[in-house]
Amino acid sequence: MFNPLKMAGDLKNIEKMLKPALEKFMNESGFAKQEEIEEIKARLDKIESMIKDLKN
């Protein structure tokens, strides 16, 4: 017999198993989070402005 409550529990267990594996894959495969990209862009802008100031 089909039991939707058991199926929902199974899906949660599958999610618990897959989430760490997916996070590990994302970290090791070179993907970056948007926040990290924005931080790097801000640092790059700051460094570029410092170089321009040194040239003047």
N, C-alpha and C. Protein backbone atom coordinates (compact mmCIF):
# COMPACT_ATOMS: atom_id res chain seq x y z
N MET A 1 0.83 -1.17 0.00
CA MET A 1 0.00 0.00 0.00
C MET A 1 0.88 1.24 0.00
N PHE A 2 0.46 2.24 -0.69
CA PHE A 2 1.19 3.50 -0.82
C PHE A 2 0.99 4.36 0.42
N ASN A 3 2.09 4.75 1.04
CA ASN A 3 2.02 5.57 2.24
C ASN A 3 2.80 6.87 2.00
N PRO A 4 2.09 7.98 1.76
CA PRO A 4 2.77 9.24 1.46
C PRO A 4 3.62 9.76 2.61
N LEU A 5 3.25 9.45 3.86
CA LEU A 5 4.05 9.91 4.99
C LEU A 5 5.40 9.21 5.03
N LYS A 6 5.42 7.92 4.73
CA LYS A 6 6.69 7.19 4.69
C LYS A 6 7.55 7.71 3.55
N MET A 7 6.92 8.01 2.42
CA MET A 7 7.66 8.53 1.28
C MET A 7 8.30 9.88 1.63
N ALA A 8 7.59 10.74 2.34
CA ALA A 8 8.13 12.03 2.75
C ALA A 8 9.33 11.84 3.68
N GLY A 9 9.25 10.88 4.57
CA GLY A 9 10.38 10.58 5.45
C GLY A 9 11.57 10.07 4.68
N ASP A 10 11.32 9.23 3.69
CA ASP A 10 12.40 8.72 2.85
C ASP A 10 13.08 9.85 2.09
N LEU A 11 12.30 10.80 1.59
CA LEU A 11 12.87 11.94 0.87
C LEU A 11 13.75 12.79 1.77
N LYS A 12 13.33 12.97 3.02
CA LYS A 12 14.16 13.73 3.96
C LYS A 12 15.48 13.02 4.22
N ASN A 13 15.42 11.69 4.35
CA ASN A 13 16.65 10.93 4.57
C ASN A 13 17.57 11.02 3.36
N ILE A 14 17.00 10.96 2.18
CA ILE A 14 17.81 11.08 0.96
C ILE A 14 18.46 12.45 0.91
N GLU A 15 17.70 13.49 1.27
CA GLU A 15 18.26 14.85 1.28
C GLU A 15 19.41 14.95 2.27
N LYS A 16 19.26 14.34 3.46
CA LYS A 16 20.32 14.37 4.47
C LYS A 16 21.59 13.71 3.96
N MET A 17 21.44 12.66 3.15
CA MET A 17 22.62 11.97 2.61
C MET A 17 23.25 12.75 1.47
N LEU A 18 22.44 13.37 0.62
CA LEU A 18 22.96 14.03 -0.57
C LEU A 18 23.52 15.42 -0.30
N LYS A 19 22.98 16.13 0.67
CA LYS A 19 23.40 17.51 0.91
C LYS A 19 24.90 17.62 1.21
N PRO A 20 25.48 16.84 2.12
CA PRO A 20 26.93 16.94 2.34
C PRO A 20 27.74 16.59 1.10
N ALA A 21 27.29 15.59 0.37
CA ALA A 21 28.01 15.21 -0.85
C ALA A 21 27.96 16.33 -1.87
N LEU A 22 26.82 16.97 -2.02
CA LEU A 22 26.68 18.07 -2.96
C LEU A 22 27.54 19.25 -2.54
N GLU A 23 27.56 19.57 -1.24
CA GLU A 23 28.38 20.68 -0.77
C GLU A 23 29.86 20.39 -1.00
N LYS A 24 30.29 19.17 -0.77
CA LYS A 24 31.69 18.80 -1.00
C LYS A 24 32.02 18.92 -2.48
N PHE A 25 31.13 18.46 -3.34
CA PHE A 25 31.35 18.57 -4.78
C PHE A 25 31.46 20.03 -5.20
N MET A 26 30.56 20.87 -4.69
CA MET A 26 30.58 22.28 -5.07
C MET A 26 31.88 22.95 -4.61
N ASN A 27 32.36 22.61 -3.43
CA ASN A 27 33.59 23.21 -2.92
C ASN A 27 34.81 22.75 -3.71
N GLU A 28 34.84 21.49 -4.08
CA GLU A 28 36.02 20.94 -4.74
C GLU A 28 36.02 21.16 -6.25
N SER A 29 34.88 21.49 -6.83
CA SER A 29 34.81 21.59 -8.28
C SER A 29 35.10 23.00 -8.79
N GLY A 30 35.32 23.94 -7.89
CA GLY A 30 35.69 25.28 -8.32
C GLY A 30 34.52 26.24 -8.39
N PHE A 31 33.33 25.81 -8.03
CA PHE A 31 32.20 26.73 -7.99
C PHE A 31 32.40 27.68 -6.82
N ALA A 32 31.96 28.92 -6.99
CA ALA A 32 32.08 29.91 -5.93
C ALA A 32 30.72 30.49 -5.61
N LYS A 33 30.53 30.86 -4.37
CA LYS A 33 29.28 31.49 -3.96
C LYS A 33 29.31 32.96 -4.40
N GLN A 34 28.15 33.51 -4.64
CA GLN A 34 28.05 34.90 -5.10
C GLN A 34 28.70 35.86 -4.10
N GLU A 35 28.53 35.59 -2.79
CA GLU A 35 29.13 36.47 -1.78
C GLU A 35 30.65 36.48 -1.90
N GLU A 36 31.25 35.32 -2.15
CA GLU A 36 32.70 35.24 -2.29
C GLU A 36 33.16 36.03 -3.51
N ILE A 37 32.41 35.94 -4.59
CA ILE A 37 32.76 36.67 -5.80
C ILE A 37 32.70 38.17 -5.56
N GLU A 38 31.66 38.62 -4.86
CA GLU A 38 31.52 40.05 -4.57
C GLU A 38 32.66 40.54 -3.69
N GLU A 39 33.07 39.75 -2.70
CA GLU A 39 34.19 40.14 -1.84
C GLU A 39 35.46 40.27 -2.64
N ILE A 40 35.70 39.34 -3.54
CA ILE A 40 36.91 39.37 -4.37
C ILE A 40 36.88 40.58 -5.29
N LYS A 41 35.72 40.87 -5.88
CA LYS A 41 35.60 42.05 -6.75
C LYS A 41 35.89 43.33 -5.98
N ALA A 42 35.38 43.42 -4.75
CA ALA A 42 35.62 44.61 -3.94
C ALA A 42 37.10 44.76 -3.63
N ARG A 43 37.76 43.68 -3.29
CA ARG A 43 39.20 43.73 -3.01
C ARG A 43 39.97 44.13 -4.24
N LEU A 44 39.57 43.60 -5.39
CA LEU A 44 40.24 43.92 -6.65
C LEU A 44 40.08 45.40 -6.97
N ASP A 45 38.88 45.94 -6.79
CA ASP A 45 38.66 47.37 -7.02
C ASP A 45 39.55 48.21 -6.10
N LYS A 46 39.66 47.80 -4.85
CA LYS A 46 40.49 48.53 -3.89
C LYS A 46 41.96 48.49 -4.31
N ILE A 47 42.44 47.33 -4.72
CA ILE A 47 43.83 47.19 -5.16
C ILE A 47 44.08 48.02 -6.41
N GLU A 48 43.13 48.00 -7.35
CA GLU A 48 43.28 48.80 -8.57
C GLU A 48 43.36 50.29 -8.25
N SER A 49 42.55 50.76 -7.31
CA SER A 49 42.59 52.18 -6.94
C SER A 49 43.91 52.51 -6.25
N MET A 50 44.45 51.58 -5.45
CA MET A 50 45.73 51.81 -4.80
C MET A 50 46.83 51.92 -5.85
N ILE A 51 46.78 51.08 -6.87
CA ILE A 51 47.80 51.12 -7.93
C ILE A 51 47.71 52.43 -8.69
N LYS A 52 46.49 52.89 -8.98
CA LYS A 52 46.32 54.17 -9.67
C LYS A 52 46.89 55.31 -8.85
N ASP A 53 46.65 55.27 -7.53
CA ASP A 53 47.19 56.31 -6.64
C ASP A 53 48.71 56.30 -6.63
N LEU A 54 49.32 55.14 -6.69
CA LEU A 54 50.77 55.03 -6.69
C LEU A 54 51.37 55.60 -7.98
N LYS A 55 50.66 55.42 -9.08
CA LYS A 55 51.14 55.91 -10.37
C LYS A 55 51.12 57.43 -10.42
N ASN A 56 50.20 58.04 -9.69
CA ASN A 56 50.07 59.52 -9.72
C ASN A 56 51.01 60.17 -8.79
